[in-house]
C-alpha atoms as a PDB file:
ATOM      1  CA  MET A   1     -77.915  59.613-114.802  1.00  0.00           C
ATOM      2  CA  SER A   2     -77.303  57.412-112.139  1.00  0.00           C
ATOM      3  CA  THR A   3     -76.277  58.547-109.118  1.00  0.00           C
ATOM      4  CA  ALA A   4     -72.832  57.048-109.301  1.00  0.00           C
ATOM      5  CA  SER A   5     -72.257  58.554-112.803  1.00  0.00           C
ATOM      6  CA  SER A   6     -73.223  61.940-111.805  1.00  0.00           C
ATOM      7  CA  LEU A   7     -70.767  61.288-108.769  1.00  0.00           C
ATOM      8  CA  VAL A   8     -67.905  60.451-111.148  1.00  0.00           C
ATOM      9  CA  ALA A   9     -68.857  63.340-113.759  1.00  0.00           C
ATOM     10  CA  GLN A  10     -68.977  65.989-110.899  1.00  0.00           C
ATOM     11  CA  VAL A  11     -65.217  64.791-109.768  1.00  0.00           C
ATOM     12  CA  GLU A  12     -63.767  64.679-113.274  1.00  0.00           C
ATOM     13  CA  ALA A  13     -65.255  68.219-113.926  1.00  0.00           C
ATOM     14  CA  THR A  14     -63.727  69.772-110.660  1.00  0.00           C
ATOM     15  CA  PRO A  15     -61.262  67.134-109.244  1.00  0.00           C
ATOM     16  CA  ASP A  16     -59.936  68.996-106.190  1.00  0.00           C
ATOM     17  CA  MET A  17     -63.792  69.635-104.858  1.00  0.00           C
ATOM     18  CA  THR A  18     -63.764  68.680-101.036  1.00  0.00           C
ATOM     19  CA  MET A  19     -65.728  65.770-100.133  1.00  0.00           C
ATOM     20  CA  PRO A  20     -68.269  67.825 -98.040  1.00  0.00           C
ATOM     21  CA  LYS A  21     -69.003  69.923-101.014  1.00  0.00           C
ATOM     22  CA  LEU A  22     -68.771  67.177-103.320  1.00  0.00           C
ATOM     23  CA  ALA A  23     -71.900  65.816-100.666  1.00  0.00           C
ATOM     24  CA  ALA A  24     -73.791  68.893-101.344  1.00  0.00           C
ATOM     25  CA  ARG A  25     -73.504  68.990-105.027  1.00  0.00           C
ATOM     26  CA  LEU A  26     -74.814  65.245-105.506  1.00  0.00           C
ATOM     27  CA  VAL A  27     -77.552  66.531-103.280  1.00  0.00           C
ATOM     28  CA  GLN A  28     -78.423  69.417-105.859  1.00  0.00           C
ATOM     29  CA  THR A  29     -78.123  67.410-108.448  1.00  0.00           C
ATOM     30  CA  THR A  30     -79.267  64.233-108.065  1.00  0.00           C
ATOM     31  CA  GLY A  31     -81.299  63.932-104.453  1.00  0.00           C
ATOM     32  CA  THR A  32     -79.144  61.828-102.900  1.00  0.00           C
ATOM     33  CA  ARG A  33     -77.557  62.090 -99.235  1.00  0.00           C
ATOM     34  CA  ALA A  34     -74.672  60.554 -98.520  1.00  0.00           C
ATOM     35  CA  ALA A  35     -71.660  61.316 -95.987  1.00  0.00           C
ATOM     36  CA  PRO A  36     -68.248  62.404 -96.981  1.00  0.00           C
ATOM     37  CA  ALA A  37     -66.577  59.491 -96.029  1.00  0.00           C
ATOM     38  CA  VAL A  38     -68.808  57.289 -98.004  1.00  0.00           C
ATOM     39  CA  LEU A  39     -68.202  59.596-101.162  1.00  0.00           C
ATOM     40  CA  SER A  40     -64.606  59.054-100.335  1.00  0.00           C
ATOM     41  CA  ARG A  41     -64.443  55.420-100.061  1.00  0.00           C
ATOM     42  CA  PHE A  42     -66.827  54.713-103.340  1.00  0.00           C
ATOM     43  CA  LEU A  43     -64.579  56.805-105.432  1.00  0.00           C
ATOM     44  CA  CYS A  44     -61.608  54.554-104.150  1.00  0.00           C
ATOM     45  CA  ARG A  45     -63.158  51.509-105.424  1.00  0.00           C
ATOM     46  CA  LEU A  46     -63.828  53.558-108.998  1.00  0.00           C
ATOM     47  CA  GLY A  47     -60.055  53.458-108.878  1.00  0.00           C
ATOM     48  CA  PHE A  48     -59.834  57.749-107.918  1.00  0.00           C
ATOM     49  CA  THR A  49     -57.135  58.295-105.343  1.00  0.00           C
ATOM     50  CA  TYR A  50     -56.051  61.296-103.419  1.00  0.00           C
ATOM     51  CA  ILE A  51     -52.826  62.570-105.080  1.00  0.00           C
ATOM     52  CA  LYS A  52     -50.954  65.901-105.051  1.00  0.00           C
ATOM     53  CA  LYS A  53     -51.768  68.295-107.780  1.00  0.00           C
ATOM     54  CA  PRO A  54     -48.397  69.023-109.650  1.00  0.00           C
ATOM     55  CA  LEU A  55     -48.671  72.262-110.161  1.00  0.00           C
ATOM     56  CA  MET A  56     -47.685  74.012-113.474  1.00  0.00           C
ATOM     57  CA  ALA A  57     -47.477  77.427-114.809  1.00  0.00           C
ATOM     58  CA  SER A  58     -50.478  78.747-116.788  1.00  0.00           C
ATOM     59  CA  GLN A  59     -48.642  79.889-119.497  1.00  0.00           C
ATOM     60  CA  CYS A  60     -47.232  76.592-120.416  1.00  0.00           C
ATOM     61  CA  ALA A  61     -50.523  76.230-122.698  1.00  0.00           C
ATOM     62  CA  ARG A  62     -50.191  79.430-124.237  1.00  0.00           C
ATOM     63  CA  VAL A  63     -49.062  79.153-127.671  1.00  0.00           C
ATOM     64  CA  ASP A  64     -46.300  81.663-127.941  1.00  0.00           C
ATOM     65  CA  ILE A  65     -44.425  80.267-124.904  1.00  0.00           C
ATOM     66  CA  ALA A  66     -44.679  76.774-126.496  1.00  0.00           C
ATOM     67  CA  GLU A  67     -43.203  78.285-129.996  1.00  0.00           C
ATOM     68  CA  GLN A  68     -40.341  79.828-127.343  1.00  0.00           C
ATOM     69  CA  ARG A  69     -39.582  76.605-125.355  1.00  0.00           C
ATOM     70  CA  ASN A  70     -39.218  74.789-128.936  1.00  0.00           C
ATOM     71  CA  LEU A  71     -36.939  77.229-130.065  1.00  0.00           C
ATOM     72  CA  TRP A  72     -35.039  76.394-126.747  1.00  0.00           C
ATOM     73  CA  ILE A  73     -34.679  72.562-127.093  1.00  0.00           C
ATOM     74  CA  THR A  74     -33.667  73.011-130.943  1.00  0.00           C
ATOM     75  CA  ARG A  75     -31.534  75.699-131.581  1.00  0.00           C
ATOM     76  CA  ARG A  76     -29.920  77.366-128.176  1.00  0.00           C
ATOM     77  CA  GLN A  77     -29.598  74.005-125.957  1.00  0.00           C
ATOM     78  CA  PRO A  78     -27.235  72.295-128.436  1.00  0.00           C
ATOM     79  CA  LEU A  79     -24.989  75.428-128.393  1.00  0.00           C
ATOM     80  CA  MET A  80     -24.860  75.639-124.830  1.00  0.00           C
ATOM     81  CA  ARG A  81     -23.810  71.872-124.385  1.00  0.00           C
ATOM     82  CA  LEU A  82     -20.433  72.935-126.288  1.00  0.00           C
ATOM     83  CA  GLU A  83     -19.248  75.105-123.641  1.00  0.00           C
ATOM     84  CA  PRO A  84     -20.900  74.725-120.436  1.00  0.00           C
ATOM     85  CA  HIS A  85     -18.412  76.725-118.492  1.00  0.00           C
ATOM     86  CA  TRP A  86     -20.427  79.679-119.822  1.00  0.00           C
ATOM     87  CA  LEU A  87     -23.520  78.817-118.033  1.00  0.00           C
ATOM     88  CA  VAL A  88     -24.872  80.240-115.184  1.00  0.00           C
ATOM     89  CA  PHE A  89     -27.859  78.107-113.373  1.00  0.00           C
ATOM     90  CA  ILE A  90     -30.324  80.256-111.538  1.00  0.00           C
ATOM     91  CA  ASP A  91     -32.040  78.648-109.015  1.00  0.00           C
ATOM     92  CA  GLU A  92     -34.812  79.779-106.791  1.00  0.00           C
ATOM     93  CA  THR A  93     -36.647  78.342-103.444  1.00  0.00           C
ATOM     94  CA  ALA A  94     -39.560  80.415-102.177  1.00  0.00           C
ATOM     95  CA  ILE A  95     -42.528  80.161 -99.629  1.00  0.00           C
ATOM     96  CA  ASN A  96     -45.356  82.545 -99.978  1.00  0.00           C
ATOM     97  CA  THR A  97     -48.850  83.259 -98.215  1.00  0.00           C
ATOM     98  CA  LYS A  98     -51.141  82.637-100.982  1.00  0.00           C
ATOM     99  CA  MET A  99     -53.126  79.445-100.214  1.00  0.00           C
ATOM    100  CA  ILE A 100     -54.475  77.051-102.899  1.00  0.00           C
ATOM    101  CA  ARG A 101     -55.707  73.543-102.935  1.00  0.00           C
ATOM    102  CA  LEU A 102     -52.899  70.974-103.455  1.00  0.00           C
ATOM    103  CA  ARG A 103     -54.530  67.978-103.801  1.00  0.00           C
ATOM    104  CA  GLY A 104     -57.851  66.381-105.917  1.00  0.00           C
ATOM    105  CA  ARG A 105     -59.460  63.558-107.127  1.00  0.00           C
ATOM    106  CA  SER A 106     -58.020  61.030-110.049  1.00  0.00           C
ATOM    107  CA  LEU A 107     -58.012  57.886-111.120  1.00  0.00           C
ATOM    108  CA  ARG A 108     -54.982  55.947-110.247  1.00  0.00           C
ATOM    109  CA  GLY A 109     -51.795  55.970-112.184  1.00  0.00           C
ATOM    110  CA  LYS A 110     -53.239  59.279-114.030  1.00  0.00           C
ATOM    111  CA  ARG A 111     -51.431  62.779-113.169  1.00  0.00           C
ATOM    112  CA  LEU A 112     -53.747  65.501-111.979  1.00  0.00           C
ATOM    113  CA  PRO A 113     -52.702  68.978-113.527  1.00  0.00           C
ATOM    114  CA  ALA A 114     -53.580  72.134-112.422  1.00  0.00           C
ATOM    115  CA  SER A 115     -52.189  75.690-112.927  1.00  0.00           C
ATOM    116  CA  ALA A 116     -52.089  78.377-110.209  1.00  0.00           C
ATOM    117  CA  PRO A 117     -53.317  81.951-111.135  1.00  0.00           C
ATOM    118  CA  PHE A 118     -50.866  84.878-110.531  1.00  0.00           C
ATOM    119  CA  GLY A 119     -52.353  86.951-107.456  1.00  0.00           C
ATOM    120  CA  HIS A 120     -51.091  89.323-104.568  1.00  0.00           C
ATOM    121  CA  TRP A 121     -49.034  87.932-102.340  1.00  0.00           C
ATOM    122  CA  ARG A 122     -45.782  88.084-100.680  1.00  0.00           C
ATOM    123  CA  THR A 123     -42.688  85.977-101.407  1.00  0.00           C
ATOM    124  CA  GLN A 124     -39.746  84.872 -99.076  1.00  0.00           C
ATOM    125  CA  SER A 125     -37.023  83.767-101.802  1.00  0.00           C
ATOM    126  CA  PHE A 126     -33.500  82.527-101.433  1.00  0.00           C
ATOM    127  CA  ILE A 127     -32.067  82.591-104.829  1.00  0.00           C
ATOM    128  CA  VAL A 128     -28.742  81.145-105.867  1.00  0.00           C
ATOM    129  CA  GLY A 129     -26.343  81.066-109.040  1.00  0.00           C
ATOM    130  CA  LEU A 130     -24.687  77.503-109.954  1.00  0.00           C
ATOM    131  CA  ARG A 131     -21.549  77.723-112.334  1.00  0.00           C
ATOM    132  CA  CYS A 132     -19.365  74.452-113.084  1.00  0.00           C
ATOM    133  CA  HIS A 133     -17.020  74.528-109.759  1.00  0.00           C
ATOM    134  CA  VAL A 134     -18.624  77.664-108.165  1.00  0.00           C
ATOM    135  CA  SER A 135     -22.268  78.752-106.662  1.00  0.00           C
ATOM    136  CA  ILE A 136     -22.884  82.429-106.321  1.00  0.00           C
ATOM    137  CA  ARG A 137     -25.356  83.067-103.437  1.00  0.00           C
ATOM    138  CA  ARG A 138     -27.990  85.461-103.419  1.00  0.00           C
ATOM    139  CA  GLY A 139     -30.966  85.696-100.769  1.00  0.00           C
ATOM    140  CA  PRO A 140     -33.269  85.597 -98.636  1.00  0.00           C
ATOM    141  CA  ARG A 141     -35.277  88.351-100.097  1.00  0.00           C
ATOM    142  CA  GLU A 142     -38.601  89.459 -99.563  1.00  0.00           C
ATOM    143  CA  PHE A 143     -40.606  90.210-103.122  1.00  0.00           C
ATOM    144  CA  SER A 144     -43.756  91.723-103.394  1.00  0.00           C
ATOM    145  CA  PHE A 145     -45.547  91.317-106.567  1.00  0.00           C
ATOM    146  CA  ARG A 146     -47.762  94.508-105.881  1.00  0.00           C
ATOM    147  CA  SER A 147     -47.555  97.576-108.015  1.00  0.00           C
ATOM    148  CA  ARG A 148     -45.687 100.741-106.606  1.00  0.00           C
ATOM    149  CA  ALA A 149     -49.278 102.234-106.034  1.00  0.00           C
ATOM    150  CA  ASP A 150     -50.511  99.461-103.987  1.00  0.00           C
ATOM    151  CA  ARG A 151     -47.414  99.858-101.944  1.00  0.00           C
ATOM    152  CA  GLN A 152     -47.923 103.551-101.286  1.00  0.00           C
ATOM    153  CA  SER A 153     -51.457 103.486-100.324  1.00  0.00           C
ATOM    154  CA  ASP A 154     -50.813 100.860 -97.714  1.00  0.00           C
ATOM    155  CA  PRO A 155     -50.486 102.351 -94.015  1.00  0.00           C
END
């Protein structure tokens, strides 16, 4: 396998790998040394761009969730369109302390999907309920995704 094809295979296998890690992996697999900036320029010439990953919930890949979504679209949405004044849309915006990589390499014009694993972190959240003519405000709130036993063991 050539160095170029090895490099492309590494990027396609782990698209959010940093350039220094990619350079180290290239040395391990092919014995070729290259500066991270050189690798970045080479990948740009091959059509890879450095883009922000749209995060999707990892549950989207589950079959039972896909079936529920199909039921929602085919049966429930048509009924809701008939009487929209009964609907309340819940909107939440939040910030949390969990740090994940938001960018990776992908061929130009291609999306780079990724999932965010569920973890233990604190979230500051702002929730709002929206109706046809009124907004119902609730927030900001601090949510903890830790169990009650974990919170009791804190000092």
